[in-house]
Amino acid sequence: MKHIADECRLAGAPIDDDDLVLHILRGLGSEYRELTTTSIYELGSFDLYAI
């Protein structure tokens, strides 16, 4: 993911660090659901439909 974010930045389309973290957290499996829900909420981007 870091490599893709770096490539986007070099192409003139930077990805915000918070957006990158949210994307990674949303990609984790159900065994991480409690962690991801808490982390997303703490980032201030809590969205039940996106989880």
C-alpha atoms as a PDB file:
ATOM      1  CA  MET A   1       0.000   0.000   0.000  1.00  0.00           C
ATOM      2  CA  LYS A   2       2.812   2.393   0.799  1.00  0.00           C
ATOM      3  CA  HIS A   3       4.279   1.847  -2.660  1.00  0.00           C
ATOM      4  CA  ILE A   4       0.937   2.612  -4.322  1.00  0.00           C
ATOM      5  CA  ALA A   5       0.524   5.743  -2.184  1.00  0.00           C
ATOM      6  CA  ASP A   6       4.030   6.872  -3.165  1.00  0.00           C
ATOM      7  CA  GLU A   7       3.284   6.280  -6.851  1.00  0.00           C
ATOM      8  CA  CYS A   8       0.073   8.298  -6.589  1.00  0.00           C
ATOM      9  CA  ARG A   9       1.963  11.134  -4.911  1.00  0.00           C
ATOM     10  CA  LEU A  10       4.586  11.152  -7.675  1.00  0.00           C
ATOM     11  CA  ALA A  11       1.789  11.246 -10.264  1.00  0.00           C
ATOM     12  CA  GLY A  12       0.361  14.356  -8.597  1.00  0.00           C
ATOM     13  CA  ALA A  13      -2.522  12.649  -6.800  1.00  0.00           C
ATOM     14  CA  PRO A  14      -1.395  12.285  -3.174  1.00  0.00           C
ATOM     15  CA  ILE A  15      -3.353  10.097  -0.782  1.00  0.00           C
ATOM     16  CA  ASP A  16      -3.928  11.472   2.713  1.00  0.00           C
ATOM     17  CA  ASP A  17      -2.350   9.290   5.435  1.00  0.00           C
ATOM     18  CA  ASP A  18      -5.700   8.940   7.236  1.00  0.00           C
ATOM     19  CA  ASP A  19      -7.358   7.775   4.003  1.00  0.00           C
ATOM     20  CA  LEU A  20      -4.596   5.222   3.469  1.00  0.00           C
ATOM     21  CA  VAL A  21      -4.985   3.875   7.013  1.00  0.00           C
ATOM     22  CA  LEU A  22      -8.768   3.665   6.621  1.00  0.00           C
ATOM     23  CA  HIS A  23      -8.399   1.774   3.351  1.00  0.00           C
ATOM     24  CA  ILE A  24      -6.028  -0.727   4.974  1.00  0.00           C
ATOM     25  CA  LEU A  25      -8.270  -1.186   8.038  1.00  0.00           C
ATOM     26  CA  ARG A  26     -11.346  -1.756   5.892  1.00  0.00           C
ATOM     27  CA  GLY A  27      -9.490  -4.497   4.045  1.00  0.00           C
ATOM     28  CA  LEU A  28      -8.835  -6.548   7.180  1.00  0.00           C
ATOM     29  CA  GLY A  29     -10.903  -9.651   7.800  1.00  0.00           C
ATOM     30  CA  SER A  30     -13.716 -10.114  10.282  1.00  0.00           C
ATOM     31  CA  GLU A  31     -11.323 -11.371  12.967  1.00  0.00           C
ATOM     32  CA  TYR A  32     -10.102  -7.758  13.235  1.00  0.00           C
ATOM     33  CA  ARG A  33     -13.575  -6.188  13.283  1.00  0.00           C
ATOM     34  CA  GLU A  34     -13.340  -4.823  16.845  1.00  0.00           C
ATOM     35  CA  LEU A  35      -9.931  -3.270  16.172  1.00  0.00           C
ATOM     36  CA  THR A  36     -10.981  -1.740  12.867  1.00  0.00           C
ATOM     37  CA  THR A  37     -14.244  -0.337  14.208  1.00  0.00           C
ATOM     38  CA  THR A  38     -12.435   1.272  17.152  1.00  0.00           C
ATOM     39  CA  SER A  39      -9.614   2.604  14.986  1.00  0.00           C
ATOM     40  CA  ILE A  40     -11.925   4.039  12.337  1.00  0.00           C
ATOM     41  CA  TYR A  41     -14.041   5.693  15.034  1.00  0.00           C
ATOM     42  CA  GLU A  42     -10.929   7.232  16.611  1.00  0.00           C
ATOM     43  CA  LEU A  43      -9.841   8.624  13.241  1.00  0.00           C
ATOM     44  CA  GLY A  44     -13.141  10.483  13.083  1.00  0.00           C
ATOM     45  CA  SER A  45     -14.386   8.751   9.960  1.00  0.00           C
ATOM     46  CA  PHE A  46     -16.848   6.311  11.459  1.00  0.00           C
ATOM     47  CA  ASP A  47     -19.310   5.108   8.849  1.00  0.00           C
ATOM     48  CA  LEU A  48     -21.309   1.947   9.518  1.00  0.00           C
ATOM     49  CA  TYR A  49     -21.996   1.392   5.834  1.00  0.00           C
ATOM     50  CA  ALA A  50     -18.305   1.590   4.870  1.00  0.00           C
ATOM     51  CA  ILE A  51     -17.184  -1.043   7.362  1.00  0.00           C
END
